[in-house]
Amino acid sequence: THWDRLAATGGVVNATQTFDGGGTARTVIRIDAERERIYSRQ
């Protein structure tokens, strides 16, 4: 339900994942719903 909403309206998402001894991974997602473009960086 959430993915469908963002696909329809667009938005910017920030996320992190952390594991003991494994460091932290950071993700940024930009969704351009009008032009149906998506960019993500990890």
PDB file of all heavy atoms in Angstrom:
ATOM      1  N   THR A   1       0.836  -1.204   0.000  1.00  0.00           N
ATOM      2  CA  THR A   1       0.000   0.000   0.000  1.00  0.00           C
ATOM      3  C   THR A   1       0.867   1.248   0.000  1.00  0.00           C
ATOM      4  O   THR A   1       0.611   2.214  -0.726  1.00  0.00           O
ATOM      5  CB  THR A   1      -0.937  -0.001   1.226  1.00  0.00           C
ATOM      6  OG1 THR A   1      -1.763  -1.160   1.207  1.00  0.00           O
ATOM      7  CG2 THR A   1      -1.820   1.242   1.234  1.00  0.00           C
ATOM      8  N   HIS A   2       1.922   1.228   0.797  1.00  0.00           N
ATOM      9  CA  HIS A   2       2.849   2.360   0.864  1.00  0.00           C
ATOM     10  C   HIS A   2       3.581   2.559  -0.455  1.00  0.00           C
ATOM     11  O   HIS A   2       3.666   3.682  -0.964  1.00  0.00           O
ATOM     12  CB  HIS A   2       3.846   2.124   1.991  1.00  0.00           C
ATOM     13  CG  HIS A   2       4.969   3.105   2.022  1.00  0.00           C
ATOM     14  ND1 HIS A   2       4.819   4.400   2.486  1.00  0.00           N
ATOM     15  CD2 HIS A   2       6.269   3.010   1.630  1.00  0.00           C
ATOM     16  CE1 HIS A   2       5.962   5.047   2.390  1.00  0.00           C
ATOM     17  NE2 HIS A   2       6.853   4.222   1.877  1.00  0.00           N
ATOM     18  N   TRP A   3       4.094   1.486  -1.043  1.00  0.00           N
ATOM     19  CA  TRP A   3       4.819   1.607  -2.317  1.00  0.00           C
ATOM     20  C   TRP A   3       3.915   2.188  -3.393  1.00  0.00           C
ATOM     21  O   TRP A   3       4.336   3.052  -4.167  1.00  0.00           O
ATOM     22  CB  TRP A   3       5.330   0.235  -2.771  1.00  0.00           C
ATOM     23  CG  TRP A   3       6.275  -0.415  -1.828  1.00  0.00           C
ATOM     24  CD1 TRP A   3       7.149   0.216  -0.982  1.00  0.00           C
ATOM     25  CD2 TRP A   3       6.446  -1.813  -1.610  1.00  0.00           C
ATOM     26  NE1 TRP A   3       7.847  -0.710  -0.251  1.00  0.00           N
ATOM     27  CE2 TRP A   3       7.439  -1.970  -0.613  1.00  0.00           C
ATOM     28  CE3 TRP A   3       5.865  -2.953  -2.162  1.00  0.00           C
ATOM     29  CZ2 TRP A   3       7.860  -3.205  -0.158  1.00  0.00           C
ATOM     30  CZ3 TRP A   3       6.283  -4.198  -1.708  1.00  0.00           C
ATOM     31  CH2 TRP A   3       7.263  -4.315  -0.725  1.00  0.00           C
ATOM     32  N   ASP A   4       2.670   1.729  -3.433  1.00  0.00           N
ATOM     33  CA  ASP A   4       1.736   2.226  -4.439  1.00  0.00           C
ATOM     34  C   ASP A   4       1.475   3.721  -4.259  1.00  0.00           C
ATOM     35  O   ASP A   4       1.362   4.463  -5.242  1.00  0.00           O
ATOM     36  CB  ASP A   4       0.412   1.456  -4.362  1.00  0.00           C
ATOM     37  CG  ASP A   4       0.532   0.016  -4.838  1.00  0.00           C
ATOM     38  OD1 ASP A   4       1.550  -0.309  -5.485  1.00  0.00           O
ATOM     39  OD2 ASP A   4      -0.387  -0.780  -4.551  1.00  0.00           O
ATOM     40  N   ARG A   5       1.366   4.158  -3.016  1.00  0.00           N
ATOM     41  CA  ARG A   5       1.120   5.580  -2.751  1.00  0.00           C
ATOM     42  C   ARG A   5       2.294   6.431  -3.225  1.00  0.00           C
ATOM     43  O   ARG A   5       2.108   7.462  -3.882  1.00  0.00           O
ATOM     44  CB  ARG A   5       0.898   5.804  -1.257  1.00  0.00           C
ATOM     45  CG  ARG A   5      -0.456   5.356  -0.763  1.00  0.00           C
ATOM     46  CD  ARG A   5      -1.537   6.308  -1.244  1.00  0.00           C
ATOM     47  NE  ARG A   5      -1.363   7.646  -0.705  1.00  0.00           N
ATOM     48  CZ  ARG A   5      -1.900   8.746  -1.210  1.00  0.00           C
ATOM     49  NH1 ARG A   5      -2.620   8.682  -2.306  1.00  0.00           N
ATOM     50  NH2 ARG A   5      -1.707   9.922  -0.648  1.00  0.00           N
ATOM     51  N   LEU A   6       3.518   6.014  -2.905  1.00  0.00           N
ATOM     52  CA  LEU A   6       4.683   6.798  -3.324  1.00  0.00           C
ATOM     53  C   LEU A   6       4.852   6.769  -4.837  1.00  0.00           C
ATOM     54  O   LEU A   6       5.266   7.765  -5.436  1.00  0.00           O
ATOM     55  CB  LEU A   6       5.952   6.287  -2.641  1.00  0.00           C
ATOM     56  CG  LEU A   6       6.212   6.780  -1.219  1.00  0.00           C
ATOM     57  CD1 LEU A   6       7.571   6.285  -0.735  1.00  0.00           C
ATOM     58  CD2 LEU A   6       6.152   8.290  -1.125  1.00  0.00           C
ATOM     59  N   ALA A   7       4.537   5.654  -5.465  1.00  0.00           N
ATOM     60  CA  ALA A   7       4.628   5.577  -6.924  1.00  0.00           C
ATOM     61  C   ALA A   7       3.654   6.550  -7.576  1.00  0.00           C
ATOM     62  O   ALA A   7       3.935   7.099  -8.649  1.00  0.00           O
ATOM     63  CB  ALA A   7       4.341   4.156  -7.400  1.00  0.00           C
ATOM     64  N   ALA A   8       2.505   6.785  -6.925  1.00  0.00           N
ATOM     65  CA  ALA A   8       1.480   7.659  -7.492  1.00  0.00           C
ATOM     66  C   ALA A   8       1.731   9.133  -7.206  1.00  0.00           C
ATOM     67  O   ALA A   8       1.337   9.993  -8.004  1.00  0.00           O
ATOM     68  CB  ALA A   8       0.107   7.262  -6.952  1.00  0.00           C
ATOM     69  N   THR A   9       2.385   9.435  -6.088  1.00  0.00           N
ATOM     70  CA  THR A   9       2.519  10.839  -5.673  1.00  0.00           C
ATOM     71  C   THR A   9       3.951  11.354  -5.685  1.00  0.00           C
ATOM     72  O   THR A   9       4.178  12.551  -5.769  1.00  0.00           O
ATOM     73  CB  THR A   9       1.945  11.042  -4.262  1.00  0.00           C
ATOM     74  OG1 THR A   9       2.688  10.242  -3.343  1.00  0.00           O
ATOM     75  CG2 THR A   9       0.483  10.644  -4.199  1.00  0.00           C
ATOM     76  N   GLY A  10       4.939  10.455  -5.562  1.00  0.00           N
ATOM     77  CA  GLY A  10       6.338  10.874  -5.489  1.00  0.00           C
ATOM     78  C   GLY A  10       6.762  11.189  -4.067  1.00  0.00           C
ATOM     79  O   GLY A  10       5.949  11.303  -3.160  1.00  0.00           O
ATOM     80  N   GLY A  11       8.072  11.335  -3.885  1.00  0.00           N
ATOM     81  CA  GLY A  11       8.594  11.673  -2.563  1.00  0.00           C
ATOM     82  C   GLY A  11      10.067  11.343  -2.448  1.00  0.00           C
ATOM     83  O   GLY A  11      10.697  10.844  -3.388  1.00  0.00           O
ATOM     84  N   VAL A  12      10.618  11.646  -1.264  1.00  0.00           N
ATOM     85  CA  VAL A  12      12.024  11.387  -0.964  1.00  0.00           C
ATOM     86  C   VAL A  12      12.089  10.530   0.300  1.00  0.00           C
ATOM     87  O   VAL A  12      11.474  10.868   1.319  1.00  0.00           O
ATOM     88  CB  VAL A  12      12.815  12.692  -0.748  1.00  0.00           C
ATOM     89  CG1 VAL A  12      14.276  12.376  -0.391  1.00  0.00           C
ATOM     90  CG2 VAL A  12      12.736  13.571  -1.984  1.00  0.00           C
ATOM     91  N   VAL A  13      12.833   9.425   0.240  1.00  0.00           N
ATOM     92  CA  VAL A  13      12.958   8.491   1.353  1.00  0.00           C
ATOM     93  C   VAL A  13      14.408   8.426   1.807  1.00  0.00           C
ATOM     94  O   VAL A  13      15.324   8.364   0.981  1.00  0.00           O
ATOM     95  CB  VAL A  13      12.482   7.079   0.939  1.00  0.00           C
ATOM     96  CG1 VAL A  13      12.810   6.052   2.023  1.00  0.00           C
ATOM     97  CG2 VAL A  13      10.994   7.093   0.625  1.00  0.00           C
ATOM     98  N   ASN A  14      14.615   8.435   3.117  1.00  0.00           N
ATOM     99  CA  ASN A  14      15.932   8.197   3.720  1.00  0.00           C
ATOM    100  C   ASN A  14      15.838   6.954   4.594  1.00  0.00           C
ATOM    101  O   ASN A  14      14.887   6.819   5.379  1.00  0.00           O
ATOM    102  CB  ASN A  14      16.377   9.385   4.568  1.00  0.00           C
ATOM    103  CG  ASN A  14      16.739  10.585   3.739  1.00  0.00           C
ATOM    104  OD1 ASN A  14      17.526  10.492   2.804  1.00  0.00           O
ATOM    105  ND2 ASN A  14      16.159  11.744   4.056  1.00  0.00           N
ATOM    106  N   ALA A  15      16.796   6.050   4.488  1.00  0.00           N
ATOM    107  CA  ALA A  15      16.770   4.826   5.278  1.00  0.00           C
ATOM    108  C   ALA A  15      18.176   4.447   5.709  1.00  0.00           C
ATOM    109  O   ALA A  15      19.159   4.765   5.023  1.00  0.00           O
ATOM    110  CB  ALA A  15      16.136   3.686   4.485  1.00  0.00           C
ATOM    111  N   THR A  16      18.273   3.752   6.845  1.00  0.00           N
ATOM    112  CA  THR A  16      19.555   3.222   7.321  1.00  0.00           C
ATOM    113  C   THR A  16      19.361   1.782   7.773  1.00  0.00           C
ATOM    114  O   THR A  16      18.273   1.382   8.185  1.00  0.00           O
ATOM    115  CB  THR A  16      20.120   4.027   8.507  1.00  0.00           C
ATOM    116  OG1 THR A  16      19.236   3.894   9.645  1.00  0.00           O
ATOM    117  CG2 THR A  16      20.275   5.500   8.146  1.00  0.00           C
ATOM    118  N   GLN A  17      20.445   1.006   7.691  1.00  0.00           N
ATOM    119  CA  GLN A  17      20.480  -0.361   8.198  1.00  0.00           C
ATOM    120  C   GLN A  17      21.813  -0.541   8.905  1.00  0.00           C
ATOM    121  O   GLN A  17      22.868  -0.266   8.327  1.00  0.00           O
ATOM    122  CB  GLN A  17      20.358  -1.356   7.050  1.00  0.00           C
ATOM    123  CG  GLN A  17      19.084  -1.199   6.229  1.00  0.00           C
ATOM    124  CD  GLN A  17      19.203  -1.871   4.886  1.00  0.00           C
ATOM    125  OE1 GLN A  17      20.185  -1.709   4.189  1.00  0.00           O
ATOM    126  NE2 GLN A  17      18.187  -2.630   4.510  1.00  0.00           N
ATOM    127  N   THR A  18      21.752  -0.998  10.166  1.00  0.00           N
ATOM    128  CA  THR A  18      22.957  -1.120  10.978  1.00  0.00           C
ATOM    129  C   THR A  18      23.061  -2.517  11.568  1.00  0.00           C
ATOM    130  O   THR A  18      22.081  -3.047  12.098  1.00  0.00           O
ATOM    131  CB  THR A  18      22.948  -0.083  12.117  1.00  0.00           C
ATOM    132  OG1 THR A  18      22.834   1.237  11.568  1.00  0.00           O
ATOM    133  CG2 THR A  18      24.235  -0.163  12.927  1.00  0.00           C
ATOM    134  N   PHE A  19      24.258  -3.115  11.466  1.00  0.00           N
ATOM    135  CA  PHE A  19      24.536  -4.427  12.045  1.00  0.00           C
ATOM    136  C   PHE A  19      25.790  -4.308  12.912  1.00  0.00           C
ATOM    137  O   PHE A  19      26.758  -3.670  12.508  1.00  0.00           O
ATOM    138  CB  PHE A  19      24.772  -5.480  10.964  1.00  0.00           C
ATOM    139  CG  PHE A  19      23.613  -5.668  10.036  1.00  0.00           C
ATOM    140  CD1 PHE A  19      23.489  -4.894   8.893  1.00  0.00           C
ATOM    141  CD2 PHE A  19      22.643  -6.619  10.307  1.00  0.00           C
ATOM    142  CE1 PHE A  19      22.423  -5.066   8.030  1.00  0.00           C
ATOM    143  CE2 PHE A  19      21.570  -6.800   9.447  1.00  0.00           C
ATOM    144  CZ  PHE A  19      21.461  -6.021   8.307  1.00  0.00           C
ATOM    145  N   ASP A  20      25.759  -4.945  14.083  1.00  0.00           N
ATOM    146  CA  ASP A  20      26.949  -4.971  14.925  1.00  0.00           C
ATOM    147  C   ASP A  20      28.123  -5.534  14.142  1.00  0.00           C
ATOM    148  O   ASP A  20      28.046  -6.631  13.587  1.00  0.00           O
ATOM    149  CB  ASP A  20      26.715  -5.847  16.160  1.00  0.00           C
ATOM    150  CG  ASP A  20      25.974  -5.111  17.260  1.00  0.00           C
ATOM    151  OD1 ASP A  20      25.743  -3.900  17.105  1.00  0.00           O
ATOM    152  OD2 ASP A  20      25.627  -5.756  18.272  1.00  0.00           O
ATOM    153  N   GLY A  21      29.210  -4.782  14.074  1.00  0.00           N
ATOM    154  CA  GLY A  21      30.399  -5.235  13.380  1.00  0.00           C
ATOM    155  C   GLY A  21      30.330  -5.082  11.882  1.00  0.00           C
ATOM    156  O   GLY A  21      31.311  -5.340  11.182  1.00  0.00           O
ATOM    157  N   GLY A  22      29.174  -4.675  11.351  1.00  0.00           N
ATOM    158  CA  GLY A  22      29.022  -4.569   9.906  1.00  0.00           C
ATOM    159  C   GLY A  22      28.828  -3.159   9.402  1.00  0.00           C
ATOM    160  O   GLY A  22      28.634  -2.945   8.206  1.00  0.00           O
ATOM    161  N   GLY A  23      28.884  -2.184  10.310  1.00  0.00           N
ATOM    162  CA  GLY A  23      28.735  -0.802   9.894  1.00  0.00           C
ATOM    163  C   GLY A  23      27.299  -0.453   9.552  1.00  0.00           C
ATOM    164  O   GLY A  23      26.362  -1.206   9.819  1.00  0.00           O
ATOM    165  N   THR A  24      27.125   0.710   8.940  1.00  0.00           N
ATOM    166  CA  THR A  24      25.801   1.224   8.600  1.00  0.00           C
ATOM    167  C   THR A  24      25.690   1.481   7.102  1.00  0.00           C
ATOM    168  O   THR A  24      26.576   2.091   6.507  1.00  0.00           O
ATOM    169  CB  THR A  24      25.512   2.534   9.358  1.00  0.00           C
ATOM    170  OG1 THR A  24      25.511   2.273  10.769  1.00  0.00           O
ATOM    171  CG2 THR A  24      24.157   3.109   8.958  1.00  0.00           C
ATOM    172  N   ALA A  25      24.621   1.006   6.516  1.00  0.00           N
ATOM    173  CA  ALA A  25      24.318   1.283   5.109  1.00  0.00           C
ATOM    174  C   ALA A  25      23.225   2.343   5.072  1.00  0.00           C
ATOM    175  O   ALA A  25      22.232   2.247   5.794  1.00  0.00           O
ATOM    176  CB  ALA A  25      23.858   0.019   4.406  1.00  0.00           C
ATOM    177  N   ARG A  26      23.399   3.354   4.232  1.00  0.00           N
ATOM    178  CA  ARG A  26      22.427   4.443   4.113  1.00  0.00           C
ATOM    179  C   ARG A  26      21.893   4.485   2.686  1.00  0.00           C
ATOM    180  O   ARG A  26      22.667   4.373   1.739  1.00  0.00           O
ATOM    181  CB  ARG A  26      23.071   5.780   4.481  1.00  0.00           C
ATOM    182  CG  ARG A  26      23.673   5.783   5.867  1.00  0.00           C
ATOM    183  CD  ARG A  26      24.291   7.144   6.229  1.00  0.00           C
ATOM    184  NE  ARG A  26      24.947   7.075   7.511  1.00  0.00           N
ATOM    185  CZ  ARG A  26      24.336   7.198   8.682  1.00  0.00           C
ATOM    186  NH1 ARG A  26      23.022   7.417   8.699  1.00  0.00           N
ATOM    187  NH2 ARG A  26      24.997   7.123   9.814  1.00  0.00           N
ATOM    188  N   THR A  27      20.590   4.664   2.566  1.00  0.00           N
ATOM    189  CA  THR A  27      19.938   4.692   1.259  1.00  0.00           C
ATOM    190  C   THR A  27      19.088   5.948   1.127  1.00  0.00           C
ATOM    191  O   THR A  27      18.362   6.308   2.052  1.00  0.00           O
ATOM    192  CB  THR A  27      19.038   3.461   1.063  1.00  0.00           C
ATOM    193  OG1 THR A  27      19.824   2.274   1.202  1.00  0.00           O
ATOM    194  CG2 THR A  27      18.383   3.477  -0.313  1.00  0.00           C
ATOM    195  N   VAL A  28      19.192   6.606  -0.019  1.00  0.00           N
ATOM    196  CA  VAL A  28      18.333   7.741  -0.359  1.00  0.00           C
ATOM    197  C   VAL A  28      17.596   7.399  -1.650  1.00  0.00           C
ATOM    198  O   VAL A  28      18.208   6.951  -2.617  1.00  0.00           O
ATOM    199  CB  VAL A  28      19.141   9.042  -0.549  1.00  0.00           C
ATOM    200  CG1 VAL A  28      18.218  10.185  -0.966  1.00  0.00           C
ATOM    201  CG2 VAL A  28      19.893   9.400   0.725  1.00  0.00           C
ATOM    202  N   ILE A  29      16.276   7.582  -1.652  1.00  0.00           N
ATOM    203  CA  ILE A  29      15.458   7.305  -2.833  1.00  0.00           C
ATOM    204  C   ILE A  29      14.661   8.551  -3.181  1.00  0.00           C
ATOM    205  O   ILE A  29      14.019   9.141  -2.314  1.00  0.00           O
ATOM    206  CB  ILE A  29      14.480   6.135  -2.583  1.00  0.00           C
ATOM    207  CG1 ILE A  29      15.225   4.887  -2.110  1.00  0.00           C
ATOM    208  CG2 ILE A  29      13.674   5.828  -3.844  1.00  0.00           C
ATOM    209  CD1 ILE A  29      14.308   3.791  -1.613  1.00  0.00           C
ATOM    210  N   ARG A  30      14.693   8.945  -4.448  1.00  0.00           N
ATOM    211  CA  ARG A  30      13.894  10.062  -4.950  1.00  0.00           C
ATOM    212  C   ARG A  30      12.955   9.528  -6.030  1.00  0.00           C
ATOM    213  O   ARG A  30      13.411   8.888  -6.984  1.00  0.00           O
ATOM    214  CB  ARG A  30      14.774  11.174  -5.524  1.00  0.00           C
ATOM    215  CG  ARG A  30      15.709  11.817  -4.504  1.00  0.00           C
ATOM    216  CD  ARG A  30      16.545  12.916  -5.151  1.00  0.00           C
ATOM    217  NE  ARG A  30      15.696  13.964  -5.720  1.00  0.00           N
ATOM    218  CZ  ARG A  30      15.225  15.000  -5.032  1.00  0.00           C
ATOM    219  NH1 ARG A  30      15.516  15.124  -3.737  1.00  0.00           N
ATOM    220  NH2 ARG A  30      14.468  15.906  -5.621  1.00  0.00           N
ATOM    221  N   ILE A  31      11.645   9.783  -5.871  1.00  0.00           N
ATOM    222  CA  ILE A  31      10.640   9.266  -6.792  1.00  0.00           C
ATOM    223  C   ILE A  31       9.914  10.435  -7.451  1.00  0.00           C
ATOM    224  O   ILE A  31       9.261  11.231  -6.775  1.00  0.00           O
ATOM    225  CB  ILE A  31       9.625   8.363  -6.058  1.00  0.00           C
ATOM    226  CG1 ILE A  31      10.357   7.195  -5.391  1.00  0.00           C
ATOM    227  CG2 ILE A  31       8.566   7.854  -7.021  1.00  0.00           C
ATOM    228  CD1 ILE A  31       9.479   6.378  -4.479  1.00  0.00           C
ATOM    229  N   ASP A  32      10.056  10.535  -8.756  1.00  0.00           N
ATOM    230  CA  ASP A  32       9.406  11.574  -9.558  1.00  0.00           C
ATOM    231  C   ASP A  32       8.200  10.913 -10.229  1.00  0.00           C
ATOM    232  O   ASP A  32       8.320  10.295 -11.287  1.00  0.00           O
ATOM    233  CB  ASP A  32      10.391  12.102 -10.607  1.00  0.00           C
ATOM    234  CG  ASP A  32       9.844  13.244 -11.439  1.00  0.00           C
ATOM    235  OD1 ASP A  32       8.612  13.361 -11.539  1.00  0.00           O
ATOM    236  OD2 ASP A  32      10.644  13.995 -12.022  1.00  0.00           O
ATOM    237  N   ALA A  33       7.024  11.019  -9.590  1.00  0.00           N
ATOM    238  CA  ALA A  33       5.845  10.314 -10.079  1.00  0.00           C
ATOM    239  C   ALA A  33       5.336  10.888 -11.391  1.00  0.00           C
ATOM    240  O   ALA A  33       4.864  10.146 -12.257  1.00  0.00           O
ATOM    241  CB  ALA A  33       4.733  10.374  -9.021  1.00  0.00           C
ATOM    242  N   GLU A  34       5.438  12.202 -11.572  1.00  0.00           N
ATOM    243  CA  GLU A  34       4.906  12.832 -12.779  1.00  0.00           C
ATOM    244  C   GLU A  34       5.608  12.333 -14.035  1.00  0.00           C
ATOM    245  O   GLU A  34       4.973  12.061 -15.058  1.00  0.00           O
ATOM    246  CB  GLU A  34       5.038  14.349 -12.679  1.00  0.00           C
ATOM    247  CG  GLU A  34       4.479  15.094 -13.877  1.00  0.00           C
ATOM    248  CD  GLU A  34       4.553  16.599 -13.722  1.00  0.00           C
ATOM    249  OE1 GLU A  34       4.937  17.073 -12.627  1.00  0.00           O
ATOM    250  OE2 GLU A  34       4.234  17.302 -14.695  1.00  0.00           O
ATOM    251  N   ARG A  35       6.951  12.179 -13.960  1.00  0.00           N
ATOM    252  CA  ARG A  35       7.713  11.735 -15.124  1.00  0.00           C
ATOM    253  C   ARG A  35       8.127  10.266 -15.024  1.00  0.00           C
ATOM    254  O   ARG A  35       8.853   9.767 -15.877  1.00  0.00           O
ATOM    255  CB  ARG A  35       8.947  12.623 -15.305  1.00  0.00           C
ATOM    256  CG  ARG A  35       8.608  14.076 -15.589  1.00  0.00           C
ATOM    257  CD  ARG A  35       9.847  14.859 -15.978  1.00  0.00           C
ATOM    258  NE  ARG A  35      10.818  14.923 -14.888  1.00  0.00           N
ATOM    259  CZ  ARG A  35      12.069  15.371 -15.019  1.00  0.00           C
ATOM    260  NH1 ARG A  35      12.504  15.750 -16.216  1.00  0.00           N
ATOM    261  NH2 ARG A  35      12.875  15.419 -13.983  1.00  0.00           N
ATOM    262  N   GLU A  36       7.671   9.594 -13.947  1.00  0.00           N
ATOM    263  CA  GLU A  36       7.993   8.186 -13.706  1.00  0.00           C
ATOM    264  C   GLU A  36       9.504   7.948 -13.762  1.00  0.00           C
ATOM    265  O   GLU A  36      10.007   7.121 -14.524  1.00  0.00           O
ATOM    266  CB  GLU A  36       7.245   7.274 -14.689  1.00  0.00           C
ATOM    267  CG  GLU A  36       5.736   7.304 -14.498  1.00  0.00           C
ATOM    268  CD  GLU A  36       5.012   6.198 -15.211  1.00  0.00           C
ATOM    269  OE1 GLU A  36       5.609   5.562 -16.108  1.00  0.00           O
ATOM    270  OE2 GLU A  36       3.833   5.949 -14.881  1.00  0.00           O
ATOM    271  N   ARG A  37      10.202   8.675 -12.919  1.00  0.00           N
ATOM    272  CA  ARG A  37      11.646   8.520 -12.756  1.00  0.00           C
ATOM    273  C   ARG A  37      11.949   8.202 -11.291  1.00  0.00           C
ATOM    274  O   ARG A  37      11.305   8.738 -10.386  1.00  0.00           O
ATOM    275  CB  ARG A  37      12.392   9.800 -13.147  1.00  0.00           C
ATOM    276  CG  ARG A  37      12.362  10.126 -14.637  1.00  0.00           C
ATOM    277  CD  ARG A  37      13.013  11.467 -14.885  1.00  0.00           C
ATOM    278  NE  ARG A  37      13.228  11.698 -16.323  1.00  0.00           N
ATOM    279  CZ  ARG A  37      14.342  12.177 -16.832  1.00  0.00           C
ATOM    280  NH1 ARG A  37      15.355  12.492 -16.032  1.00  0.00           N
ATOM    281  NH2 ARG A  37      14.465  12.363 -18.131  1.00  0.00           N
ATOM    282  N   ILE A  38      12.936   7.348 -11.077  1.00  0.00           N
ATOM    283  CA  ILE A  38      13.353   6.982  -9.722  1.00  0.00           C
ATOM    284  C   ILE A  38      14.870   6.972  -9.658  1.00  0.00           C
ATOM    285  O   ILE A  38      15.531   6.378 -10.517  1.00  0.00           O
ATOM    286  CB  ILE A  38      12.815   5.589  -9.320  1.00  0.00           C
ATOM    287  CG1 ILE A  38      11.293   5.557  -9.405  1.00  0.00           C
ATOM    288  CG2 ILE A  38      13.284   5.225  -7.912  1.00  0.00           C
ATOM    289  CD1 ILE A  38      10.710   4.166  -9.205  1.00  0.00           C
ATOM    290  N   TYR A  39      15.413   7.603  -8.627  1.00  0.00           N
ATOM    291  CA  TYR A  39      16.861   7.580  -8.406  1.00  0.00           C
ATOM    292  C   TYR A  39      17.115   7.100  -6.983  1.00  0.00           C
ATOM    293  O   TYR A  39      16.460   7.535  -6.028  1.00  0.00           O
ATOM    294  CB  TYR A  39      17.465   8.974  -8.585  1.00  0.00           C
ATOM    295  CG  TYR A  39      18.913   9.055  -8.152  1.00  0.00           C
ATOM    296  CD1 TYR A  39      19.935   8.575  -8.976  1.00  0.00           C
ATOM    297  CD2 TYR A  39      19.247   9.586  -6.907  1.00  0.00           C
ATOM    298  CE1 TYR A  39      21.253   8.637  -8.574  1.00  0.00           C
ATOM    299  CE2 TYR A  39      20.575   9.650  -6.498  1.00  0.00           C
ATOM    300  CZ  TYR A  39      21.576   9.170  -7.328  1.00  0.00           C
ATOM    301  OH  TYR A  39      22.888   9.225  -6.922  1.00  0.00           O
ATOM    302  N   SER A  40      18.071   6.194  -6.812  1.00  0.00           N
ATOM    303  CA  SER A  40      18.456   5.756  -5.469  1.00  0.00           C
ATOM    304  C   SER A  40      19.974   5.677  -5.364  1.00  0.00           C
ATOM    305  O   SER A  40      20.672   5.394  -6.344  1.00  0.00           O
ATOM    306  CB  SER A  40      17.837   4.398  -5.127  1.00  0.00           C
ATOM    307  OG  SER A  40      18.413   3.373  -5.900  1.00  0.00           O
ATOM    308  N   ARG A  41      20.463   5.946  -4.165  1.00  0.00           N
ATOM    309  CA  ARG A  41      21.900   5.911  -3.896  1.00  0.00           C
ATOM    310  C   ARG A  41      22.129   5.193  -2.572  1.00  0.00           C
ATOM    311  O   ARG A  41      21.466   5.492  -1.581  1.00  0.00           O
ATOM    312  CB  ARG A  41      22.463   7.331  -3.819  1.00  0.00           C
ATOM    313  CG  ARG A  41      23.985   7.377  -3.585  1.00  0.00           C
ATOM    314  CD  ARG A  41      24.492   8.818  -3.563  1.00  0.00           C
ATOM    315  NE  ARG A  41      23.990   9.551  -2.409  1.00  0.00           N
ATOM    316  CZ  ARG A  41      23.115  10.554  -2.464  1.00  0.00           C
ATOM    317  NH1 ARG A  41      22.613  10.936  -3.617  1.00  0.00           N
ATOM    318  NH2 ARG A  41      22.725  11.173  -1.366  1.00  0.00           N
ATOM    319  N   GLN A  42      23.052   4.249  -2.565  1.00  0.00           N
ATOM    320  CA  GLN A  42      23.379   3.489  -1.365  1.00  0.00           C
ATOM    321  C   GLN A  42      24.811   3.778  -0.940  1.00  0.00           C
ATOM    322  O   GLN A  42      25.725   3.716  -1.766  1.00  0.00           O
ATOM    323  CB  GLN A  42      23.202   1.990  -1.612  1.00  0.00           C
ATOM    324  CG  GLN A  42      21.776   1.591  -1.946  1.00  0.00           C
ATOM    325  CD  GLN A  42      21.653   0.116  -2.299  1.00  0.00           C
ATOM    326  OE1 GLN A  42      22.652  -0.579  -2.436  1.00  0.00           O
ATOM    327  NE2 GLN A  42      20.423  -0.351  -2.457  1.00  0.00           N
TER     328      GLN A  42
END
